């Protein structure tokens, strides 16, 4: 029996102490943030994950400046304490649950102190459950929220305040998905397949959210769009379960190019202006993949020159494209178009693991 700080809060879901999260070794609990200036001149992102049954916590922070994505990675032994939201030089503070959170960074020449404030109540996305053959690969819940940022970020002694009006998105997800070392006996396909799109968008007086998970033939297994007016409560959202994204790809890549999203009678044009590599936050990273065991504590800085990226390398497939967004009646905003296309995807003519044919 292991007791932790969480046991003093009325949050238990089972008779076990909070240190135990069911029985699936792939259970995780995660924070994600991204933010940008309204003119597209800056972009940053952060992530913090806890993996109770692997007894690992890890965190990442990235800032893009002058064509370079500066990344800070950290991993530590969890010690079965899930309420300690710090990993080496990166710390998360929950200022006001479901409304305001703070990210603090100090290490390897990268520092930050930024605070997020939500524009409306978070949306709860449909539960993500994905099976491949007999194996449940994903089974998780996620809340997502757009909002404003204040604070500053420093790289190698150069400190810059966040631009007035900086906005972005944060999410929280928890449940089961592949983490840590790969399963040596996975009963899946010889060539894996996974298709994902996500577009959290900040418009002048409202937020727009769209996501799509789809099979290789294009059939969705989880999709929805939500419009959240500023200040909306939990029952103030407008949902669409049949959104349509007309996706274009940048030449020679699996990265999004200008594309159009239809939500009901409204149409939104997304035009990329900058690219962020998600491996900087551990996604698909061979070395800093989520939940990998790095011992008691390991910290590393990585600088990615974005103009030198090989788009066909598997760990470079997962991107967030910062986009200008044009809506109906001249409505304008900014957001990201995240995409990960692994393996075949017939609607875009994709075949093989990572290439275009």
Protein backbone atom coordinates (compact mmCIF):
# COMPACT_ATOMS: atom_id res chain seq x y z
CA UNK A 1 0.00 0.00 0.00
CA UNK A 2 1.56 3.31 -1.13
CA UNK A 3 -0.01 6.59 -0.03
CA UNK A 4 0.63 9.91 -1.80
CA UNK A 5 -0.56 13.53 -1.63
CA UNK A 6 -3.50 12.74 -3.87
CA UNK A 7 -5.00 10.49 -1.23
CA UNK A 8 -5.93 13.54 0.84
CA UNK A 9 -8.25 14.76 -1.96
CA UNK A 10 -11.67 13.21 -2.78
CA UNK A 11 -10.62 12.10 -6.26
CA UNK A 12 -10.45 8.30 -5.96
CA UNK A 13 -12.05 6.19 -8.69
CA UNK A 14 -11.24 2.74 -7.25
CA UNK A 15 -10.53 1.26 -3.78
CA UNK A 16 -6.79 1.62 -4.53
CA UNK A 17 -4.66 4.60 -3.47
CA UNK A 18 -4.19 7.26 -6.17
CA UNK A 19 -0.69 5.94 -6.89
CA UNK A 20 -2.31 3.00 -8.71
CA UNK A 21 -4.11 3.75 -12.00
CA UNK A 22 -5.97 0.59 -12.93
CA UNK A 23 -3.97 -2.32 -14.34
CA UNK A 24 -2.91 -1.28 -17.87
CA UNK A 25 0.82 -0.51 -18.06
CA UNK A 26 0.08 2.09 -20.78
CA UNK A 27 -2.03 4.36 -18.55
CA UNK A 28 -0.91 8.00 -18.73
CA UNK A 29 -1.96 11.47 -17.48
CA UNK A 30 -0.85 14.48 -19.52
CA UNK A 31 -0.76 18.29 -19.93
CA UNK A 32 -0.19 20.06 -23.26
CA UNK A 33 0.15 23.76 -24.15
CA UNK A 34 0.85 25.79 -27.28
CA UNK A 35 0.84 29.54 -27.82
CA UNK A 36 1.56 32.14 -30.48
CA UNK A 37 1.47 35.83 -31.31
CA UNK A 38 -1.57 36.93 -33.31
CA UNK A 39 0.65 37.97 -36.22
CA UNK A 40 2.29 34.53 -36.34
CA UNK A 41 5.72 35.86 -35.35
CA UNK A 42 6.25 33.48 -32.42
CA UNK A 43 5.32 29.97 -31.31
CA UNK A 44 5.95 27.95 -28.16
CA UNK A 45 4.71 24.67 -26.71
CA UNK A 46 5.02 22.59 -23.55
CA UNK A 47 4.05 19.11 -22.39
CA UNK A 48 4.13 17.23 -19.10
CA UNK A 49 3.31 13.53 -18.72
CA UNK A 50 2.95 11.06 -15.88
CA UNK A 51 3.04 7.29 -16.43
CA UNK A 52 2.05 5.65 -13.13
CA UNK A 53 2.75 2.01 -13.99
CA UNK A 54 6.11 2.80 -15.59
CA UNK A 55 6.97 5.05 -12.59
CA UNK A 56 8.18 7.78 -14.97
CA UNK A 57 7.40 11.49 -15.43
CA UNK A 58 8.67 13.58 -18.34
CA UNK A 59 8.35 17.15 -19.56
CA UNK A 60 9.27 19.23 -22.60
CA UNK A 61 9.33 22.91 -23.53
CA UNK A 62 9.99 24.42 -26.99
CA UNK A 63 10.25 27.90 -28.43
CA UNK A 64 10.74 28.72 -32.13
CA UNK A 65 13.02 31.69 -32.89
CA UNK A 66 14.68 32.64 -36.18
CA UNK A 67 13.98 29.31 -37.83
CA UNK A 68 15.28 27.22 -34.93
CA UNK A 69 13.11 25.18 -32.59
CA UNK A 70 14.85 25.27 -29.20
CA UNK A 71 13.75 22.27 -27.12
CA UNK A 72 14.25 21.34 -23.48
CA UNK A 73 13.64 17.71 -22.48
CA UNK A 74 13.51 16.22 -18.98
CA UNK A 75 12.66 12.83 -17.50
CA UNK A 76 12.69 11.52 -13.93
CA UNK A 77 11.59 8.64 -11.78
CA UNK A 78 8.02 9.31 -10.64
CA UNK A 79 8.39 7.66 -7.25
CA UNK A 80 4.63 6.86 -7.32
CA UNK A 81 3.82 10.51 -6.47
CA UNK A 82 1.39 11.82 -9.08
CA UNK A 83 0.75 15.22 -7.45
CA UNK A 84 4.31 16.52 -7.97
CA UNK A 85 3.94 18.54 -11.20
CA UNK A 86 7.64 19.20 -11.69
CA UNK A 87 10.24 17.42 -13.78
CA UNK A 88 13.74 18.85 -13.50
CA UNK A 89 13.65 22.41 -14.90
CA UNK A 90 9.95 22.36 -15.96
CA UNK A 91 7.02 22.90 -13.60
CA UNK A 92 3.23 23.17 -13.99
CA UNK A 93 1.01 25.06 -11.55
CA UNK A 94 -2.79 24.77 -11.57
CA UNK A 95 -3.77 28.33 -10.61
CA UNK A 96 -7.54 27.86 -11.02
CA UNK A 97 -8.81 24.44 -12.16
CA UNK A 98 -10.40 24.49 -15.65
CA UNK A 99 -9.46 28.16 -16.10
CA UNK A 100 -5.84 29.15 -15.42
CA UNK A 101 -2.49 27.32 -15.40
CA UNK A 102 1.12 28.42 -15.20
CA UNK A 103 4.27 26.96 -16.84
CA UNK A 104 7.69 27.73 -15.32
CA UNK A 105 10.98 26.74 -16.99
CA UNK A 106 14.62 27.21 -15.97
CA UNK A 107 17.39 25.10 -17.49
CA UNK A 108 20.00 24.62 -20.22
CA UNK A 109 19.77 28.24 -21.38
CA UNK A 110 15.98 28.19 -21.71
CA UNK A 111 13.68 29.92 -19.20
CA UNK A 112 10.02 30.93 -19.15
CA UNK A 113 7.20 32.04 -16.89
CA UNK A 114 3.88 32.00 -18.74
CA UNK A 115 0.26 31.90 -17.59
CA UNK A 116 -2.72 30.57 -19.54
CA UNK A 117 -6.29 31.86 -19.03
CA UNK A 118 -9.21 30.13 -20.74
CA UNK A 119 -11.66 31.92 -23.07
CA UNK A 120 -14.54 29.56 -22.24
CA UNK A 121 -15.18 26.38 -20.30
CA UNK A 122 -13.08 23.46 -21.65
CA UNK A 123 -14.71 21.15 -24.17
CA UNK A 124 -14.76 17.40 -23.46
CA UNK A 125 -13.90 15.54 -26.63
CA UNK A 126 -15.58 12.21 -27.48
CA UNK A 127 -13.81 9.30 -25.81
CA UNK A 128 -11.02 7.97 -28.02
CA UNK A 129 -11.18 4.17 -28.24
CA UNK A 130 -9.18 2.46 -30.99
CA UNK A 131 -8.58 -1.25 -31.39
CA UNK A 132 -6.25 -3.02 -33.80
CA UNK A 133 -7.20 -6.66 -33.99
CA UNK A 134 -7.58 -7.91 -30.41
CA UNK A 135 -5.55 -5.09 -28.88
CA UNK A 136 -6.98 -1.90 -27.41
CA UNK A 137 -4.34 0.58 -28.54
CA UNK A 138 -6.04 3.77 -27.31
CA UNK A 139 -8.75 4.42 -24.74
CA UNK A 140 -8.58 7.94 -23.34
CA UNK A 141 -10.44 11.17 -22.58
CA UNK A 142 -9.30 14.70 -23.39
CA UNK A 143 -10.42 18.20 -22.47
CA UNK A 144 -9.36 21.11 -24.66
CA UNK A 145 -9.47 24.87 -24.08
CA UNK A 146 -8.39 27.95 -26.03
CA UNK A 147 -7.13 30.97 -24.17
CA UNK A 148 -4.80 33.94 -23.67
CA UNK A 149 -1.17 33.91 -22.51
CA UNK A 150 0.92 36.39 -20.56
CA UNK A 151 4.53 36.18 -19.43
CA UNK A 152 7.98 35.89 -20.98
CA UNK A 153 10.42 33.40 -22.57
CA UNK A 154 14.23 33.56 -22.56
CA UNK A 155 16.72 31.72 -24.79
CA UNK A 156 20.47 32.03 -24.18
CA UNK A 157 20.09 35.27 -22.26
CA UNK A 158 17.66 36.93 -24.67
CA UNK A 159 14.36 37.50 -22.85
CA UNK A 160 11.23 38.46 -24.77
CA UNK A 161 7.83 39.26 -23.31
CA UNK A 162 4.93 37.49 -24.97
CA UNK A 163 3.28 39.77 -27.51
CA UNK A 164 0.11 41.51 -26.38
CA UNK A 165 -2.89 39.35 -27.21
CA UNK A 166 -0.91 36.10 -27.43
CA UNK A 167 -3.28 33.14 -27.64
CA UNK A 168 -3.19 29.38 -27.96
CA UNK A 169 -4.55 26.11 -26.69
CA UNK A 170 -4.07 23.78 -23.79
CA UNK A 171 -5.36 20.28 -23.21
CA UNK A 172 -5.46 17.55 -20.60
CA UNK A 173 -5.74 13.90 -21.52
CA UNK A 174 -5.68 10.70 -19.53
CA UNK A 175 -6.23 7.03 -20.19
CA UNK A 176 -4.43 4.42 -22.30
CA UNK A 177 -2.25 4.89 -25.36
CA UNK A 178 1.17 3.49 -26.40
CA UNK A 179 3.91 4.79 -24.07
CA UNK A 180 7.38 3.73 -23.00
CA UNK A 181 9.25 0.92 -24.75
CA UNK A 182 7.50 -0.59 -27.77
CA UNK A 183 5.48 -3.77 -27.30
CA UNK A 184 7.67 -6.62 -28.71
CA UNK A 185 4.63 -8.78 -29.52
CA UNK A 186 2.08 -6.33 -30.86
CA UNK A 187 -0.63 -8.12 -32.87
CA UNK A 188 -0.95 -5.34 -35.44
CA UNK A 189 -0.19 -4.70 -39.09
CA UNK A 190 3.21 -5.22 -40.73
CA UNK A 191 3.09 -1.50 -41.66
CA UNK A 192 1.33 0.61 -38.98
CA UNK A 193 -1.47 2.99 -39.93
CA UNK A 194 -2.65 6.06 -38.05
CA UNK A 195 -4.26 9.26 -39.31
CA UNK A 196 -4.90 12.28 -37.09
CA UNK A 197 -5.91 15.91 -37.66
CA UNK A 198 -6.62 18.57 -35.03
CA UNK A 199 -7.36 22.27 -35.53
CA UNK A 200 -7.88 24.38 -32.39
CA UNK A 201 -8.52 27.89 -33.76
CA UNK A 202 -8.80 31.27 -32.03
CA UNK A 203 -11.23 33.63 -33.76
CA UNK A 204 -12.17 37.14 -32.63
CA UNK A 205 -15.11 36.22 -30.40
CA UNK A 206 -15.18 32.45 -30.42
CA UNK A 207 -13.07 29.29 -30.61
CA UNK A 208 -13.32 26.54 -33.21
CA UNK A 209 -12.18 22.97 -32.59
CA UNK A 210 -12.02 20.12 -35.12
CA UNK A 211 -10.46 16.68 -34.92
CA UNK A 212 -10.39 13.55 -37.07
CA UNK A 213 -9.09 10.04 -36.53
CA UNK A 214 -9.61 7.85 -39.58
CA UNK A 215 -8.90 4.39 -40.93
CA UNK A 216 -6.75 3.85 -44.02
CA UNK A 217 -9.77 4.02 -46.33
CA UNK A 218 -10.75 7.41 -44.87
CA UNK A 219 -13.61 6.16 -42.67
CA UNK A 220 -13.60 8.23 -39.45
CA UNK A 221 -13.45 6.38 -36.14
CA UNK A 222 -13.59 9.61 -34.12
CA UNK A 223 -14.43 13.09 -35.40
CA UNK A 224 -16.28 16.22 -34.30
CA UNK A 225 -16.21 20.00 -34.54
CA UNK A 226 -17.19 22.41 -31.76
CA UNK A 227 -17.72 26.18 -31.72
CA UNK A 228 -17.26 27.77 -28.29
CA UNK A 229 -18.30 31.44 -27.91
CA UNK A 230 -16.17 33.46 -25.50
CA UNK A 231 -17.40 33.00 -21.93
CA UNK A 232 -19.47 29.92 -22.77
CA UNK A 233 -20.19 27.47 -19.98
CA UNK A 234 -20.24 23.69 -20.20
CA UNK A 235 -23.58 23.73 -22.04
CA UNK A 236 -22.90 26.71 -24.32
CA UNK A 237 -21.18 24.93 -27.23
CA UNK A 238 -22.36 24.26 -30.79
CA UNK A 239 -21.40 20.78 -32.06
CA UNK A 240 -21.11 19.26 -35.52
CA UNK A 241 -20.55 15.53 -35.96
CA UNK A 242 -20.08 15.72 -39.74
CA UNK A 243 -17.30 18.29 -40.28
CA UNK A 244 -15.30 17.99 -43.50
CA UNK A 245 -11.66 18.95 -44.00
CA UNK A 246 -10.52 19.35 -47.60
CA UNK A 247 -6.84 18.66 -47.04
CA UNK A 248 -3.92 19.61 -49.26
CA UNK A 249 -0.33 18.47 -48.66
CA UNK A 250 2.88 20.43 -49.12
CA UNK A 251 4.88 19.07 -52.09
CA UNK A 252 7.03 16.07 -51.20
CA UNK A 253 5.71 15.87 -47.63
CA UNK A 254 2.92 14.57 -45.43
CA UNK A 255 2.53 18.02 -43.89
CA UNK A 256 -0.63 20.12 -44.36
CA UNK A 257 -0.75 22.88 -46.99
CA UNK A 258 -3.60 25.43 -47.32
CA UNK A 259 -6.83 23.55 -46.60
CA UNK A 260 -10.53 24.23 -46.05
CA UNK A 261 -12.69 23.12 -43.12
CA UNK A 262 -16.48 23.00 -43.47
CA UNK A 263 -18.55 23.08 -40.27
CA UNK A 264 -22.26 23.11 -41.03
CA UNK A 265 -22.92 26.05 -43.33
CA UNK A 266 -19.65 27.79 -42.41
CA UNK A 267 -16.32 27.42 -44.22
CA UNK A 268 -12.85 28.23 -42.84
CA UNK A 269 -9.64 28.55 -44.87
CA UNK A 270 -6.42 27.53 -43.06
CA UNK A 271 -3.15 28.85 -44.50
CA UNK A 272 0.11 27.68 -42.83
CA UNK A 273 2.65 30.37 -41.95
CA UNK A 274 5.08 28.37 -39.76
CA UNK A 275 5.89 24.78 -38.78
CA UNK A 276 6.48 23.14 -35.40
CA UNK A 277 7.95 19.64 -35.07
CA UNK A 278 6.07 17.65 -32.43
CA UNK A 279 9.10 15.46 -31.70
CA UNK A 280 10.36 18.45 -29.75
CA UNK A 281 7.64 17.54 -27.20
CA UNK A 282 8.50 13.83 -27.32
CA UNK A 283 5.87 12.74 -29.86
CA UNK A 284 7.40 10.04 -32.15
CA UNK A 285 10.88 10.94 -30.82
CA UNK A 286 13.23 7.90 -30.77
CA UNK A 287 15.15 9.28 -27.79
CA UNK A 288 12.55 11.32 -25.88
CA UNK A 289 9.39 9.34 -26.59
CA UNK A 290 6.78 9.56 -23.84
CA UNK A 291 7.39 7.33 -20.84
CA UNK A 292 10.85 6.07 -21.81
CA UNK A 293 13.02 5.32 -18.78
CA UNK A 294 15.96 7.74 -18.42
CA UNK A 295 16.73 6.92 -14.78
CA UNK A 296 16.46 9.15 -11.72
CA UNK A 297 16.74 12.43 -13.70
CA UNK A 298 17.99 13.32 -17.17
CA UNK A 299 17.87 16.73 -18.84
CA UNK A 300 18.87 17.58 -22.41
CA UNK A 301 18.62 20.49 -24.80
CA UNK A 302 17.96 19.97 -28.50
CA UNK A 303 18.02 22.65 -31.22
CA UNK A 304 16.17 21.74 -34.42
CA UNK A 305 16.95 23.79 -37.54
CA UNK A 306 13.54 23.67 -39.19
CA UNK A 307 14.82 24.35 -42.71
CA UNK A 308 17.01 21.22 -42.57
CA UNK A 309 14.29 18.74 -41.59
CA UNK A 310 13.82 15.58 -43.71
CA UNK A 311 10.01 15.39 -44.10
CA UNK A 312 10.09 11.65 -44.93
CA UNK A 313 11.84 10.65 -41.70
CA UNK A 314 9.19 8.96 -39.51
CA UNK A 315 9.88 11.11 -36.44
CA UNK A 316 9.31 14.25 -38.53
CA UNK A 317 5.82 13.31 -39.76
CA UNK A 318 4.00 14.76 -36.75
CA UNK A 319 3.68 18.55 -37.08
CA UNK A 320 1.65 21.51 -35.98
CA UNK A 321 1.34 24.15 -38.69
CA UNK A 322 0.61 27.62 -37.34
CA UNK A 323 -2.12 28.97 -39.62
CA UNK A 324 -3.91 32.14 -40.50
CA UNK A 325 -7.62 31.40 -40.62
CA UNK A 326 -10.25 33.11 -42.75
CA UNK A 327 -13.88 32.48 -41.84
CA UNK A 328 -17.25 33.60 -43.19
CA UNK A 329 -17.95 37.30 -43.60
CA UNK A 330 -14.29 38.29 -43.30
CA UNK A 331 -13.85 36.71 -39.86
CA UNK A 332 -10.16 36.15 -39.16
CA UNK A 333 -8.07 34.35 -36.58
CA UNK A 334 -5.06 32.14 -35.87
CA UNK A 335 -4.75 28.51 -34.96
CA UNK A 336 -2.84 25.32 -35.59
CA UNK A 337 -3.39 22.49 -38.02
CA UNK A 338 -1.87 19.40 -36.42
CA UNK A 339 -1.46 16.30 -38.55
CA UNK A 340 0.11 12.87 -38.20
CA UNK A 341 -0.23 10.52 -41.16
CA UNK A 342 1.49 7.16 -40.69
CA UNK A 343 1.01 4.44 -43.28
CA UNK A 344 -1.65 4.25 -45.98
CA UNK A 345 -4.39 6.88 -46.26
CA UNK A 346 -6.47 6.58 -49.43
CA UNK A 347 -8.15 10.05 -49.44
CA UNK A 348 -4.74 11.71 -49.77
CA UNK A 349 -3.18 8.98 -51.94
CA UNK A 350 -0.67 8.01 -49.26
CA UNK A 351 0.98 4.59 -49.38
CA UNK A 352 3.76 3.05 -47.35
CA UNK A 353 5.02 4.11 -43.95
CA UNK A 354 6.15 7.70 -44.41
CA UNK A 355 6.61 8.65 -48.06
CA UNK A 356 4.19 10.03 -50.67
CA UNK A 357 3.93 6.82 -52.75
